[in-house]
Amino acid sequence: MVLPFLRKHSVSGIVYEASWGQTSGEVVIVTGRGFEFTIPYERFLEVRDTLLQSDVGISVVRGAGAGLLTLGVAGIAMTARPIVSAEVDYRLGQAANSIAVQVQNQAYNEAIRKSEESAAQIEYTRKFAQELGIENTDFYVYIPKIDARAPVVSNVDTAREDTYLDALKKGVAHAYGSTFPGRGGGTYVFAHSTNGAWNVSRYNAVFYLLRELNPEDQDDIFVFFQGKVHKYKVAEKHIVDGDDVSWLESSQGGPERLILQTCWPPGTAWKRLIIVAYPEKIDTENAATPLGQTPDVYGGN
């Protein structure tokens, strides 16, 4: 509404000031395209009162009010959005960082624990090997009860007699296709008790007293592999046919275990003696090496 007084003074932004005391004038409506309509003030009041007294008018006014309220809320939301977004991002970031830090700490602590455990095991192995007089701990077997000790030749083809006989001149043989200590499956190690009473060598008879191992006694067997020592407890003892290869064939699966094989009776190839042992964890930080805890040679002192 622009009164004559406003037209004279060209005051913009003010519709009417009560102190002016104007009771008549004109209402000027300017469209978005710049068209201007002038309505006498008295006529404007009549139209206003008619609208306010009708349902349509009330709906228009309410709709306009609701629209203005919605616009106001939307405006506040749009204004506050960067602040709320930053706050939410910060809180979520803090939570994510906290979780990441916890995971990193757990992984770090686990790595440290494994490193310390590995260092203790390596030192334990070094001392143990030194007491046994073993210079190479890449692959070696030691059975305290019968004082059997020998290097292990790895990945020997059991189907080729010339290959395994050559390996048995150097120690005992690890069967090709079986697993290695510290991994799942069976580590299959074999040696002849002898290939004849007239031809007993030191190493191919290293398992000659294997029959003395007893599951009831849970005898110990130690296998050195790649600089670490693995301890096993005897749990099974079997005598099978000389052509029974099921123990070797099943060695690739199942739980970690050590399978020792030799001829039975000693000096023959009629049957096979099978010893099965399962791993036992060594407390390398507190345990003493086994030497001195068992007889030096089978039969005792």
C-alpha atoms as a PDB file:
ATOM      1  CA  MET A   1       0.000   0.000   0.000  1.00  0.00           C
ATOM      2  CA  VAL A   2       1.422   3.329  -1.030  1.00  0.00           C
ATOM      3  CA  LEU A   3      -0.312   6.443   0.200  1.00  0.00           C
ATOM      4  CA  PRO A   4      -0.064   9.838  -1.495  1.00  0.00           C
ATOM      5  CA  PHE A   5       2.306  10.797   1.266  1.00  0.00           C
ATOM      6  CA  LEU A   6       4.593   7.929   0.244  1.00  0.00           C
ATOM      7  CA  ARG A   7       4.445   8.908  -3.420  1.00  0.00           C
ATOM      8  CA  LYS A   8       5.577  12.381  -2.502  1.00  0.00           C
ATOM      9  CA  HIS A   9       8.471  11.229  -0.385  1.00  0.00           C
ATOM     10  CA  SER A  10       9.420   8.077  -2.419  1.00  0.00           C
ATOM     11  CA  VAL A  11       9.902   6.021   0.727  1.00  0.00           C
ATOM     12  CA  SER A  12      10.542   2.343  -0.191  1.00  0.00           C
ATOM     13  CA  GLY A  13      10.216  -0.709   2.078  1.00  0.00           C
ATOM     14  CA  ILE A  14       7.436   0.829   4.293  1.00  0.00           C
ATOM     15  CA  VAL A  15       3.757   0.234   3.580  1.00  0.00           C
ATOM     16  CA  TYR A  16       2.332   2.531   6.241  1.00  0.00           C
ATOM     17  CA  GLU A  17       3.490   4.241   9.370  1.00  0.00           C
ATOM     18  CA  ALA A  18       0.709   4.951  11.953  1.00  0.00           C
ATOM     19  CA  SER A  19       2.268   8.270  12.958  1.00  0.00           C
ATOM     20  CA  TRP A  20       1.441   9.642   9.539  1.00  0.00           C
ATOM     21  CA  GLY A  21      -2.281   9.707  10.392  1.00  0.00           C
ATOM     22  CA  GLN A  22      -3.407   8.964   6.840  1.00  0.00           C
ATOM     23  CA  THR A  23      -6.975   7.573   6.523  1.00  0.00           C
ATOM     24  CA  SER A  24      -7.287   7.572   2.749  1.00  0.00           C
ATOM     25  CA  GLY A  25      -5.189   6.971  -0.314  1.00  0.00           C
ATOM     26  CA  GLU A  26      -4.480   4.292  -2.839  1.00  0.00           C
ATOM     27  CA  VAL A  27      -3.147   0.751  -2.878  1.00  0.00           C
ATOM     28  CA  VAL A  28      -0.615   0.218  -5.632  1.00  0.00           C
ATOM     29  CA  ILE A  29      -0.003  -3.359  -6.848  1.00  0.00           C
ATOM     30  CA  VAL A  30       3.127  -3.893  -8.958  1.00  0.00           C
ATOM     31  CA  THR A  31       3.476  -7.207 -10.826  1.00  0.00           C
ATOM     32  CA  GLY A  32       6.681  -9.057 -11.505  1.00  0.00           C
ATOM     33  CA  ARG A  33       6.676  -7.725 -15.076  1.00  0.00           C
ATOM     34  CA  GLY A  34       6.469  -4.158 -13.891  1.00  0.00           C
ATOM     35  CA  PHE A  35       2.740  -3.533 -14.502  1.00  0.00           C
ATOM     36  CA  GLU A  36       1.212  -1.195 -11.930  1.00  0.00           C
ATOM     37  CA  PHE A  37      -2.400  -1.218 -10.708  1.00  0.00           C
ATOM     38  CA  THR A  38      -3.912   1.442  -8.465  1.00  0.00           C
ATOM     39  CA  ILE A  39      -6.879   0.659  -6.195  1.00  0.00           C
ATOM     40  CA  PRO A  40      -8.552   3.231  -3.934  1.00  0.00           C
ATOM     41  CA  TYR A  41      -7.773   2.484  -0.340  1.00  0.00           C
ATOM     42  CA  GLU A  42     -11.470   2.337   0.660  1.00  0.00           C
ATOM     43  CA  ARG A  43     -12.122  -0.259  -2.066  1.00  0.00           C
ATOM     44  CA  PHE A  44      -9.073  -2.280  -0.935  1.00  0.00           C
ATOM     45  CA  LEU A  45     -10.533  -2.411   2.602  1.00  0.00           C
ATOM     46  CA  GLU A  46     -13.884  -3.688   1.307  1.00  0.00           C
ATOM     47  CA  VAL A  47     -12.202  -6.443  -0.695  1.00  0.00           C
ATOM     48  CA  ARG A  48     -10.028  -7.342   2.295  1.00  0.00           C
ATOM     49  CA  ASP A  49     -13.015  -7.611   4.663  1.00  0.00           C
ATOM     50  CA  THR A  50     -14.974  -9.693   2.138  1.00  0.00           C
ATOM     51  CA  LEU A  51     -12.101 -12.134   1.740  1.00  0.00           C
ATOM     52  CA  LEU A  52     -11.550 -12.481   5.474  1.00  0.00           C
ATOM     53  CA  GLN A  53     -15.228 -13.231   6.054  1.00  0.00           C
ATOM     54  CA  SER A  54     -15.420 -15.959   3.386  1.00  0.00           C
ATOM     55  CA  ASP A  55     -14.197 -19.604   3.574  1.00  0.00           C
ATOM     56  CA  VAL A  56     -12.101 -19.074   0.475  1.00  0.00           C
ATOM     57  CA  GLY A  57     -10.443 -16.055   1.967  1.00  0.00           C
ATOM     58  CA  ILE A  58      -9.734 -17.807   5.230  1.00  0.00           C
ATOM     59  CA  SER A  59      -8.239 -20.763   3.301  1.00  0.00           C
ATOM     60  CA  VAL A  60      -6.099 -18.389   1.272  1.00  0.00           C
ATOM     61  CA  VAL A  61      -4.856 -16.632   4.379  1.00  0.00           C
ATOM     62  CA  ARG A  62      -4.189 -19.926   6.186  1.00  0.00           C
ATOM     63  CA  GLY A  63      -2.471 -21.338   3.119  1.00  0.00           C
ATOM     64  CA  ALA A  64      -0.337 -18.269   2.823  1.00  0.00           C
ATOM     65  CA  GLY A  65       0.518 -18.470   6.519  1.00  0.00           C
ATOM     66  CA  ALA A  66       1.378 -22.139   6.283  1.00  0.00           C
ATOM     67  CA  GLY A  67       3.445 -21.449   3.200  1.00  0.00           C
ATOM     68  CA  LEU A  68       5.332 -18.669   4.948  1.00  0.00           C
ATOM     69  CA  LEU A  69       5.881 -20.936   7.989  1.00  0.00           C
ATOM     70  CA  THR A  70       7.178 -23.744   5.753  1.00  0.00           C
ATOM     71  CA  LEU A  71       9.437 -21.328   3.948  1.00  0.00           C
ATOM     72  CA  GLY A  72      10.684 -20.089   7.316  1.00  0.00           C
ATOM     73  CA  VAL A  73      11.467 -23.585   8.576  1.00  0.00           C
ATOM     74  CA  ALA A  74      13.081 -24.461   5.259  1.00  0.00           C
ATOM     75  CA  GLY A  75      15.127 -21.318   5.456  1.00  0.00           C
ATOM     76  CA  ILE A  76      16.291 -22.155   8.953  1.00  0.00           C
ATOM     77  CA  ALA A  77      17.102 -25.705   7.861  1.00  0.00           C
ATOM     78  CA  MET A  78      19.047 -24.503   4.849  1.00  0.00           C
ATOM     79  CA  THR A  79      20.898 -22.031   7.023  1.00  0.00           C
ATOM     80  CA  ALA A  80      21.709 -24.622   9.708  1.00  0.00           C
ATOM     81  CA  ARG A  81      22.510 -27.427   7.245  1.00  0.00           C
ATOM     82  CA  PRO A  82      26.260 -26.737   6.927  1.00  0.00           C
ATOM     83  CA  ILE A  83      26.590 -26.578  10.728  1.00  0.00           C
ATOM     84  CA  VAL A  84      24.592 -29.774  11.339  1.00  0.00           C
ATOM     85  CA  SER A  85      26.390 -31.566   8.505  1.00  0.00           C
ATOM     86  CA  ALA A  86      29.786 -30.568   9.860  1.00  0.00           C
ATOM     87  CA  GLU A  87      28.819 -31.672  13.373  1.00  0.00           C
ATOM     88  CA  VAL A  88      27.492 -35.050  12.187  1.00  0.00           C
ATOM     89  CA  ASP A  89      30.538 -35.633   9.967  1.00  0.00           C
ATOM     90  CA  TYR A  90      32.836 -34.791  12.863  1.00  0.00           C
ATOM     91  CA  ARG A  91      31.074 -37.170  15.278  1.00  0.00           C
ATOM     92  CA  LEU A  92      30.935 -39.986  12.736  1.00  0.00           C
ATOM     93  CA  GLY A  93      34.563 -39.348  11.858  1.00  0.00           C
ATOM     94  CA  GLN A  94      35.529 -39.543  15.517  1.00  0.00           C
ATOM     95  CA  ALA A  95      33.692 -42.865  15.900  1.00  0.00           C
ATOM     96  CA  ALA A  96      35.274 -44.276  12.736  1.00  0.00           C
ATOM     97  CA  ASN A  97      38.724 -43.099  13.804  1.00  0.00           C
ATOM     98  CA  SER A  98      38.222 -44.636  17.232  1.00  0.00           C
ATOM     99  CA  ILE A  99      37.315 -47.991  15.692  1.00  0.00           C
ATOM    100  CA  ALA A 100      40.230 -47.779  13.261  1.00  0.00           C
ATOM    101  CA  VAL A 101      42.637 -46.979  16.088  1.00  0.00           C
ATOM    102  CA  GLN A 102      41.340 -49.921  18.129  1.00  0.00           C
ATOM    103  CA  VAL A 103      41.753 -52.268  15.166  1.00  0.00           C
ATOM    104  CA  GLN A 104      45.240 -50.941  14.467  1.00  0.00           C
ATOM    105  CA  ASN A 105      46.181 -51.303  18.129  1.00  0.00           C
ATOM    106  CA  GLN A 106      44.879 -54.876  18.225  1.00  0.00           C
ATOM    107  CA  ALA A 107      46.755 -55.738  15.037  1.00  0.00           C
ATOM    108  CA  TYR A 108      49.900 -54.056  16.367  1.00  0.00           C
ATOM    109  CA  ASN A 109      49.678 -55.819  19.724  1.00  0.00           C
ATOM    110  CA  GLU A 110      49.069 -59.148  17.992  1.00  0.00           C
ATOM    111  CA  ALA A 111      52.063 -58.571  15.728  1.00  0.00           C
ATOM    112  CA  ILE A 112      54.218 -57.698  18.738  1.00  0.00           C
ATOM    113  CA  ARG A 113      52.994 -60.777  20.604  1.00  0.00           C
ATOM    114  CA  LYS A 114      53.751 -63.032  17.660  1.00  0.00           C
ATOM    115  CA  SER A 115      57.128 -61.397  17.171  1.00  0.00           C
ATOM    116  CA  GLU A 116      58.046 -61.874  20.835  1.00  0.00           C
ATOM    117  CA  GLU A 117      56.715 -65.437  20.763  1.00  0.00           C
ATOM    118  CA  SER A 118      58.682 -66.168  17.609  1.00  0.00           C
ATOM    119  CA  ALA A 119      61.849 -64.651  19.074  1.00  0.00           C
ATOM    120  CA  ALA A 120      61.448 -66.740  22.234  1.00  0.00           C
ATOM    121  CA  GLN A 121      60.872 -69.867  20.161  1.00  0.00           C
ATOM    122  CA  ILE A 122      63.935 -69.198  18.013  1.00  0.00           C
ATOM    123  CA  GLU A 123      66.100 -68.683  21.102  1.00  0.00           C
ATOM    124  CA  TYR A 124      64.673 -71.836  22.713  1.00  0.00           C
ATOM    125  CA  THR A 125      65.389 -73.764  19.501  1.00  0.00           C
ATOM    126  CA  ARG A 126      68.933 -72.418  19.342  1.00  0.00           C
ATOM    127  CA  LYS A 127      69.699 -73.530  22.904  1.00  0.00           C
ATOM    128  CA  PHE A 128      68.064 -76.907  22.404  1.00  0.00           C
ATOM    129  CA  ALA A 129      69.931 -77.545  19.161  1.00  0.00           C
ATOM    130  CA  GLN A 130      73.192 -76.477  20.781  1.00  0.00           C
ATOM    131  CA  GLU A 131      72.674 -78.996  23.594  1.00  0.00           C
ATOM    132  CA  LEU A 132      72.006 -81.729  21.028  1.00  0.00           C
ATOM    133  CA  GLY A 133      74.988 -80.714  18.943  1.00  0.00           C
ATOM    134  CA  ILE A 134      72.753 -79.924  15.960  1.00  0.00           C
ATOM    135  CA  GLU A 135      74.231 -77.339  13.624  1.00  0.00           C
ATOM    136  CA  ASN A 136      71.429 -77.299  11.054  1.00  0.00           C
ATOM    137  CA  THR A 137      67.855 -76.884  12.284  1.00  0.00           C
ATOM    138  CA  ASP A 138      66.277 -76.784   8.824  1.00  0.00           C
ATOM    139  CA  PHE A 139      64.792 -80.272   9.273  1.00  0.00           C
ATOM    140  CA  TYR A 140      65.742 -82.680  12.060  1.00  0.00           C
ATOM    141  CA  VAL A 141      64.003 -85.255  14.282  1.00  0.00           C
ATOM    142  CA  TYR A 142      64.812 -86.132  17.884  1.00  0.00           C
ATOM    143  CA  ILE A 143      63.067 -88.771  20.041  1.00  0.00           C
ATOM    144  CA  PRO A 144      64.366 -88.586  23.637  1.00  0.00           C
ATOM    145  CA  LYS A 145      63.011 -91.933  24.874  1.00  0.00           C
ATOM    146  CA  ILE A 146      64.987 -94.004  22.350  1.00  0.00           C
ATOM    147  CA  ASP A 147      67.658 -91.384  21.709  1.00  0.00           C
ATOM    148  CA  ALA A 148      66.843 -91.383  18.024  1.00  0.00           C
ATOM    149  CA  ARG A 149      68.164 -88.328  16.252  1.00  0.00           C
ATOM    150  CA  ALA A 150      68.704 -87.724  12.557  1.00  0.00           C
ATOM    151  CA  PRO A 151      68.423 -85.083   9.842  1.00  0.00           C
ATOM    152  CA  VAL A 152      65.338 -85.316   7.667  1.00  0.00           C
ATOM    153  CA  VAL A 153      65.671 -85.306   3.879  1.00  0.00           C
ATOM    154  CA  SER A 154      62.582 -83.552   2.526  1.00  0.00           C
ATOM    155  CA  ASN A 155      60.311 -84.422  -0.396  1.00  0.00           C
ATOM    156  CA  VAL A 156      61.567 -87.931  -1.050  1.00  0.00           C
ATOM    157  CA  ASP A 157      59.669 -89.916  -3.683  1.00  0.00           C
ATOM    158  CA  THR A 158      58.496 -93.101  -1.962  1.00  0.00           C
ATOM    159  CA  ALA A 159      57.834 -94.780  -5.324  1.00  0.00           C
ATOM    160  CA  ARG A 160      61.482 -94.666  -6.379  1.00  0.00           C
ATOM    161  CA  GLU A 161      63.638 -97.092  -4.427  1.00  0.00           C
ATOM    162  CA  ASP A 162      66.936 -95.642  -5.622  1.00  0.00           C
ATOM    163  CA  THR A 163      65.823 -92.174  -4.463  1.00  0.00           C
ATOM    164  CA  TYR A 164      64.705 -93.091  -0.956  1.00  0.00           C
ATOM    165  CA  LEU A 165      67.627 -95.501  -0.373  1.00  0.00           C
ATOM    166  CA  ASP A 166      70.003 -92.674  -1.202  1.00  0.00           C
ATOM    167  CA  ALA A 167      68.094 -90.353   1.167  1.00  0.00           C
ATOM    168  CA  LEU A 168      68.219 -92.948   3.965  1.00  0.00           C
ATOM    169  CA  LYS A 169      72.019 -92.927   3.781  1.00  0.00           C
ATOM    170  CA  LYS A 170      71.862 -89.281   4.856  1.00  0.00           C
ATOM    171  CA  GLY A 171      69.121 -89.520   7.490  1.00  0.00           C
ATOM    172  CA  VAL A 172      65.415 -90.286   7.598  1.00  0.00           C
ATOM    173  CA  ALA A 173      63.074 -89.346   4.758  1.00  0.00           C
ATOM    174  CA  HIS A 174      60.132 -86.993   4.528  1.00  0.00           C
ATOM    175  CA  ALA A 175      57.619 -88.380   2.033  1.00  0.00           C
ATOM    176  CA  TYR A 176      56.924 -86.233  -0.994  1.00  0.00           C
ATOM    177  CA  GLY A 177      53.319 -84.952  -0.943  1.00  0.00           C
ATOM    178  CA  SER A 178      52.956 -84.912   2.834  1.00  0.00           C
ATOM    179  CA  THR A 179      52.905 -81.622   4.727  1.00  0.00           C
ATOM    180  CA  PHE A 180      55.508 -79.958   6.929  1.00  0.00           C
ATOM    181  CA  PRO A 181      55.588 -79.251  10.692  1.00  0.00           C
ATOM    182  CA  GLY A 182      53.448 -76.370  11.872  1.00  0.00           C
ATOM    183  CA  ARG A 183      50.909 -76.780   9.090  1.00  0.00           C
ATOM    184  CA  GLY A 184      47.705 -78.732   8.754  1.00  0.00           C
ATOM    185  CA  GLY A 185      47.813 -82.349   7.662  1.00  0.00           C
ATOM    186  CA  GLY A 186      50.384 -85.029   8.353  1.00  0.00           C
ATOM    187  CA  THR A 187      54.170 -84.817   8.196  1.00  0.00           C
ATOM    188  CA  TYR A 188      55.141 -88.305   7.039  1.00  0.00           C
ATOM    189  CA  VAL A 189      58.697 -89.410   7.983  1.00  0.00           C
ATOM    190  CA  PHE A 190      60.011 -92.916   7.312  1.00  0.00           C
ATOM    191  CA  ALA A 191      63.131 -95.021   7.721  1.00  0.00           C
ATOM    192  CA  HIS A 192      63.909 -98.710   7.427  1.00  0.00           C
ATOM    193  CA  SER A 193      64.767-100.427  10.660  1.00  0.00           C
ATOM    194  CA  THR A 194      67.306-102.282   8.489  1.00  0.00           C
ATOM    195  CA  ASN A 195      67.435-103.705   4.994  1.00  0.00           C
ATOM    196  CA  GLY A 196      68.996-106.911   6.258  1.00  0.00           C
ATOM    197  CA  ALA A 197      70.874-108.045   9.367  1.00  0.00           C
ATOM    198  CA  TRP A 198      74.082-108.051   7.345  1.00  0.00           C
ATOM    199  CA  ASN A 199      73.685-104.434   6.159  1.00  0.00           C
ATOM    200  CA  VAL A 200      72.777-102.184   9.057  1.00  0.00           C
ATOM    201  CA  SER A 201      73.735 -98.582   8.527  1.00  0.00           C
ATOM    202  CA  ARG A 202      73.571 -95.872  11.126  1.00  0.00           C
ATOM    203  CA  TYR A 203      70.733 -93.898   9.643  1.00  0.00           C
ATOM    204  CA  ASN A 204      68.481 -96.448   7.999  1.00  0.00           C
ATOM    205  CA  ALA A 205      68.244 -98.170  11.382  1.00  0.00           C
ATOM    206  CA  VAL A 206      67.564 -94.959  13.294  1.00  0.00           C
ATOM    207  CA  PHE A 207      63.931 -96.029  13.839  1.00  0.00           C
ATOM    208  CA  TYR A 208      64.939 -99.520  15.014  1.00  0.00           C
ATOM    209  CA  LEU A 209      63.562 -98.856  18.536  1.00  0.00           C
ATOM    210  CA  LEU A 210      60.447 -97.040  17.344  1.00  0.00           C
ATOM    211  CA  ARG A 211      58.430 -99.964  18.713  1.00  0.00           C
ATOM    212  CA  GLU A 212      59.254 -98.816  22.250  1.00  0.00           C
ATOM    213  CA  LEU A 213      57.155 -95.664  21.893  1.00  0.00           C
ATOM    214  CA  ASN A 214      53.864 -95.968  23.740  1.00  0.00           C
ATOM    215  CA  PRO A 215      50.657 -93.922  23.367  1.00  0.00           C
ATOM    216  CA  GLU A 216      49.871 -94.561  27.028  1.00  0.00           C
ATOM    217  CA  ASP A 217      53.115 -92.848  27.997  1.00  0.00           C
ATOM    218  CA  GLN A 218      52.534 -90.002  25.528  1.00  0.00           C
ATOM    219  CA  ASP A 219      56.213 -90.036  24.603  1.00  0.00           C
ATOM    220  CA  ASP A 220      57.729 -86.847  23.244  1.00  0.00           C
ATOM    221  CA  ILE A 221      59.005 -86.337  19.712  1.00  0.00           C
ATOM    222  CA  PHE A 222      60.757 -83.131  18.652  1.00  0.00           C
ATOM    223  CA  VAL A 223      61.053 -81.999  15.064  1.00  0.00           C
ATOM    224  CA  PHE A 224      63.223 -79.041  14.107  1.00  0.00           C
ATOM    225  CA  PHE A 225      62.006 -77.245  11.012  1.00  0.00           C
ATOM    226  CA  GLN A 226      63.157 -73.956   9.498  1.00  0.00           C
ATOM    227  CA  GLY A 227      64.843 -72.786  12.685  1.00  0.00           C
ATOM    228  CA  LYS A 228      61.970 -73.652  15.036  1.00  0.00           C
ATOM    229  CA  VAL A 229      61.281 -76.748  17.107  1.00  0.00           C
ATOM    230  CA  HIS A 230      57.901 -78.498  17.146  1.00  0.00           C
ATOM    231  CA  LYS A 231      56.874 -80.855  19.944  1.00  0.00           C
ATOM    232  CA  TYR A 232      54.599 -83.859  19.431  1.00  0.00           C
ATOM    233  CA  LYS A 233      53.027 -86.395  21.793  1.00  0.00           C
ATOM    234  CA  VAL A 234      52.645 -90.038  20.730  1.00  0.00           C
ATOM    235  CA  ALA A 235      48.947 -90.891  20.532  1.00  0.00           C
ATOM    236  CA  GLU A 236      48.598 -93.896  18.199  1.00  0.00           C
ATOM    237  CA  LYS A 237      50.530 -97.047  17.320  1.00  0.00           C
ATOM    238  CA  HIS A 238      49.579 -99.346  14.422  1.00  0.00           C
ATOM    239  CA  ILE A 239      50.976-102.358  12.574  1.00  0.00           C
ATOM    240  CA  VAL A 240      49.753-102.504   8.974  1.00  0.00           C
ATOM    241  CA  ASP A 241      50.450-104.508   5.826  1.00  0.00           C
ATOM    242  CA  GLY A 242      53.638-103.807   3.922  1.00  0.00           C
ATOM    243  CA  ASP A 243      51.718-102.473   0.917  1.00  0.00           C
ATOM    244  CA  ASP A 244      49.347-100.274   2.950  1.00  0.00           C
ATOM    245  CA  VAL A 245      49.842 -96.685   1.736  1.00  0.00           C
ATOM    246  CA  SER A 246      46.642 -95.241   3.239  1.00  0.00           C
ATOM    247  CA  TRP A 247      48.543 -93.396   5.971  1.00  0.00           C
ATOM    248  CA  LEU A 248      50.641 -91.605   3.392  1.00  0.00           C
ATOM    249  CA  GLU A 249      47.712 -90.875   1.097  1.00  0.00           C
ATOM    250  CA  SER A 250      45.674 -89.338   3.941  1.00  0.00           C
ATOM    251  CA  SER A 251      48.564 -87.185   5.160  1.00  0.00           C
ATOM    252  CA  GLN A 252      47.618 -84.207   2.993  1.00  0.00           C
ATOM    253  CA  GLY A 253      44.448 -83.510   4.976  1.00  0.00           C
ATOM    254  CA  GLY A 254      43.144 -83.542   8.513  1.00  0.00           C
ATOM    255  CA  PRO A 255      44.667 -82.000  11.653  1.00  0.00           C
ATOM    256  CA  GLU A 256      48.356 -81.343  12.117  1.00  0.00           C
ATOM    257  CA  ARG A 257      50.154 -84.530  13.098  1.00  0.00           C
ATOM    258  CA  LEU A 258      53.436 -86.392  12.763  1.00  0.00           C
ATOM    259  CA  ILE A 259      53.453 -89.866  11.193  1.00  0.00           C
ATOM    260  CA  LEU A 260      56.528 -92.066  11.625  1.00  0.00           C
ATOM    261  CA  GLN A 261      56.925 -95.285   9.681  1.00  0.00           C
ATOM    262  CA  THR A 262      59.436 -98.145   9.806  1.00  0.00           C
ATOM    263  CA  CYS A 263      59.615-101.811   8.871  1.00  0.00           C
ATOM    264  CA  TRP A 264      58.060-104.523  11.032  1.00  0.00           C
ATOM    265  CA  PRO A 265      59.402-106.859  12.295  1.00  0.00           C
ATOM    266  CA  PRO A 266      62.814-105.175  12.245  1.00  0.00           C
ATOM    267  CA  GLY A 267      64.928-106.362   9.366  1.00  0.00           C
ATOM    268  CA  THR A 268      61.952-107.376   7.210  1.00  0.00           C
ATOM    269  CA  ALA A 269      59.546-105.745   4.804  1.00  0.00           C
ATOM    270  CA  TRP A 270      56.549-107.855   5.770  1.00  0.00           C
ATOM    271  CA  LYS A 271      54.641-105.161   7.598  1.00  0.00           C
ATOM    272  CA  ARG A 272      54.955-101.557   8.680  1.00  0.00           C
ATOM    273  CA  LEU A 273      54.944 -99.962  12.109  1.00  0.00           C
ATOM    274  CA  ILE A 274      53.097 -96.626  12.212  1.00  0.00           C
ATOM    275  CA  ILE A 275      53.438 -94.086  15.032  1.00  0.00           C
ATOM    276  CA  VAL A 276      51.097 -91.089  15.058  1.00  0.00           C
ATOM    277  CA  ALA A 277      51.826 -88.071  17.276  1.00  0.00           C
ATOM    278  CA  TYR A 278      49.961 -84.785  17.705  1.00  0.00           C
ATOM    279  CA  PRO A 279      51.446 -81.348  18.398  1.00  0.00           C
ATOM    280  CA  GLU A 280      51.784 -79.877  21.868  1.00  0.00           C
ATOM    281  CA  LYS A 281      52.523 -76.214  22.393  1.00  0.00           C
ATOM    282  CA  ILE A 282      55.850 -75.411  24.012  1.00  0.00           C
ATOM    283  CA  ASP A 283      56.005 -72.585  26.555  1.00  0.00           C
ATOM    284  CA  THR A 284      59.297 -71.360  25.150  1.00  0.00           C
ATOM    285  CA  GLU A 285      59.430 -68.372  27.496  1.00  0.00           C
ATOM    286  CA  ASN A 286      59.439 -70.441  30.687  1.00  0.00           C
ATOM    287  CA  ALA A 287      60.222 -74.045  29.748  1.00  0.00           C
ATOM    288  CA  ALA A 288      63.680 -75.530  30.055  1.00  0.00           C
ATOM    289  CA  THR A 289      64.995 -77.616  27.176  1.00  0.00           C
ATOM    290  CA  PRO A 290      64.111 -81.311  27.492  1.00  0.00           C
ATOM    291  CA  LEU A 291      67.681 -82.557  27.822  1.00  0.00           C
ATOM    292  CA  GLY A 292      68.304 -83.844  31.331  1.00  0.00           C
ATOM    293  CA  GLN A 293      64.592 -84.469  31.875  1.00  0.00           C
ATOM    294  CA  THR A 294      64.643 -87.869  30.085  1.00  0.00           C
ATOM    295  CA  PRO A 295      67.194 -90.705  29.934  1.00  0.00           C
ATOM    296  CA  ASP A 296      70.014 -90.090  27.491  1.00  0.00           C
ATOM    297  CA  VAL A 297      69.520 -93.510  25.916  1.00  0.00           C
ATOM    298  CA  TYR A 298      66.580 -95.899  25.991  1.00  0.00           C
ATOM    299  CA  GLY A 299      66.836 -98.159  29.036  1.00  0.00           C
ATOM    300  CA  GLY A 300      67.667 -95.370  31.485  1.00  0.00           C
ATOM    301  CA  ASN A 301      70.682 -94.803  33.617  1.00  0.00           C
END
